[in-house]
Amino acid sequence: MPWLTDVLQLDLGLLRAQLDRSPCTVALSTDPTALLTDLGAGRLPVAPRQGRFRVQLVDDGARV
């Protein structure tokens, strides 16, 4: 699963944004839209597009 590192980067980045209460930018090698769309639908990504991607994560203040 070559995209597993990117999933972990997204999770850790979101945690950093929540803990620091400031935006966190993460660099990914997998298209985050394709990756999260497949995972959100409950399926493993088959061949998500590879490249250089940057995602800015923010804590929207929502608490569950």
C-alpha atoms as a PDB file:
ATOM      1  CA  MET A   1       0.000   0.000   0.000  1.00  0.00           C
ATOM      2  CA  PRO A   2       2.178   2.837  -1.256  1.00  0.00           C
ATOM      3  CA  TRP A   3      -0.366   5.445  -0.130  1.00  0.00           C
ATOM      4  CA  LEU A   4      -0.399   4.353   3.540  1.00  0.00           C
ATOM      5  CA  THR A   5       2.297   6.885   4.445  1.00  0.00           C
ATOM      6  CA  ASP A   6       0.118   9.650   3.019  1.00  0.00           C
ATOM      7  CA  VAL A   7      -2.864   8.539   5.114  1.00  0.00           C
ATOM      8  CA  LEU A   8      -0.668   8.688   8.214  1.00  0.00           C
ATOM      9  CA  GLN A   9       0.622  12.144   7.206  1.00  0.00           C
ATOM     10  CA  LEU A  10      -2.963  13.381   6.910  1.00  0.00           C
ATOM     11  CA  ASP A  11      -3.903  11.959  10.313  1.00  0.00           C
ATOM     12  CA  LEU A  12      -0.826  13.385  12.026  1.00  0.00           C
ATOM     13  CA  GLY A  13      -1.294  16.742  10.315  1.00  0.00           C
ATOM     14  CA  LEU A  14      -4.866  16.971  11.514  1.00  0.00           C
ATOM     15  CA  LEU A  15      -3.769  16.164  15.055  1.00  0.00           C
ATOM     16  CA  ARG A  16      -1.087  18.884  14.855  1.00  0.00           C
ATOM     17  CA  ALA A  17      -3.645  21.402  13.605  1.00  0.00           C
ATOM     18  CA  GLN A  18      -5.981  20.531  16.463  1.00  0.00           C
ATOM     19  CA  LEU A  19      -3.298  20.593  19.154  1.00  0.00           C
ATOM     20  CA  ASP A  20      -1.604  23.780  17.916  1.00  0.00           C
ATOM     21  CA  ARG A  21      -4.885  25.431  16.917  1.00  0.00           C
ATOM     22  CA  SER A  22      -3.219  26.630  13.727  1.00  0.00           C
ATOM     23  CA  PRO A  23      -3.169  25.387  10.123  1.00  0.00           C
ATOM     24  CA  CYS A  24      -0.785  22.577   9.252  1.00  0.00           C
ATOM     25  CA  THR A  25       0.412  21.864   5.708  1.00  0.00           C
ATOM     26  CA  VAL A  26       1.403  18.333   4.735  1.00  0.00           C
ATOM     27  CA  ALA A  27       3.140  17.117   1.583  1.00  0.00           C
ATOM     28  CA  LEU A  28       1.737  14.006  -0.058  1.00  0.00           C
ATOM     29  CA  SER A  29       2.719  11.827  -3.006  1.00  0.00           C
ATOM     30  CA  THR A  30      -0.856  10.613  -3.636  1.00  0.00           C
ATOM     31  CA  ASP A  31      -3.817  12.648  -4.877  1.00  0.00           C
ATOM     32  CA  PRO A  32      -5.637  13.382  -1.587  1.00  0.00           C
ATOM     33  CA  THR A  33      -9.050  13.752  -3.237  1.00  0.00           C
ATOM     34  CA  ALA A  34      -8.902  10.324  -4.878  1.00  0.00           C
ATOM     35  CA  LEU A  35      -7.391   8.759  -1.784  1.00  0.00           C
ATOM     36  CA  LEU A  36      -9.972  10.102   0.662  1.00  0.00           C
ATOM     37  CA  THR A  37     -12.879   9.525  -1.718  1.00  0.00           C
ATOM     38  CA  ASP A  38     -12.086   5.815  -1.985  1.00  0.00           C
ATOM     39  CA  LEU A  39     -11.394   5.375   1.723  1.00  0.00           C
ATOM     40  CA  GLY A  40     -14.522   7.338   2.631  1.00  0.00           C
ATOM     41  CA  ALA A  41     -16.560   5.003   0.432  1.00  0.00           C
ATOM     42  CA  GLY A  42     -15.143   2.018   2.314  1.00  0.00           C
ATOM     43  CA  ARG A  43     -12.863   0.721  -0.430  1.00  0.00           C
ATOM     44  CA  LEU A  44      -9.106   0.522  -0.827  1.00  0.00           C
ATOM     45  CA  PRO A  45      -7.666   2.841  -3.471  1.00  0.00           C
ATOM     46  CA  VAL A  46      -6.603   0.818  -6.516  1.00  0.00           C
ATOM     47  CA  ALA A  47      -4.383   3.234  -8.419  1.00  0.00           C
ATOM     48  CA  PRO A  48      -4.737   6.808  -7.123  1.00  0.00           C
ATOM     49  CA  ARG A  49      -2.836   9.439  -9.105  1.00  0.00           C
ATOM     50  CA  GLN A  50       0.727  10.015  -7.919  1.00  0.00           C
ATOM     51  CA  GLY A  51       2.541  13.351  -7.904  1.00  0.00           C
ATOM     52  CA  ARG A  52       3.371  16.204  -5.578  1.00  0.00           C
ATOM     53  CA  PHE A  53       0.464  17.451  -3.512  1.00  0.00           C
ATOM     54  CA  ARG A  54       0.194  19.809  -0.555  1.00  0.00           C
ATOM     55  CA  VAL A  55      -2.812  19.974   1.729  1.00  0.00           C
ATOM     56  CA  GLN A  56      -3.479  22.596   4.371  1.00  0.00           C
ATOM     57  CA  LEU A  57      -5.350  21.156   7.340  1.00  0.00           C
ATOM     58  CA  VAL A  58      -7.229  23.315   9.822  1.00  0.00           C
ATOM     59  CA  ASP A  59      -9.127  22.650  13.010  1.00  0.00           C
ATOM     60  CA  ASP A  60     -12.640  23.843  12.250  1.00  0.00           C
ATOM     61  CA  GLY A  61     -13.426  23.940  15.952  1.00  0.00           C
ATOM     62  CA  ALA A  62     -15.994  21.137  15.724  1.00  0.00           C
ATOM     63  CA  ARG A  63     -15.980  18.940  18.783  1.00  0.00           C
ATOM     64  CA  VAL A  64     -17.805  15.639  18.954  1.00  0.00           C
END
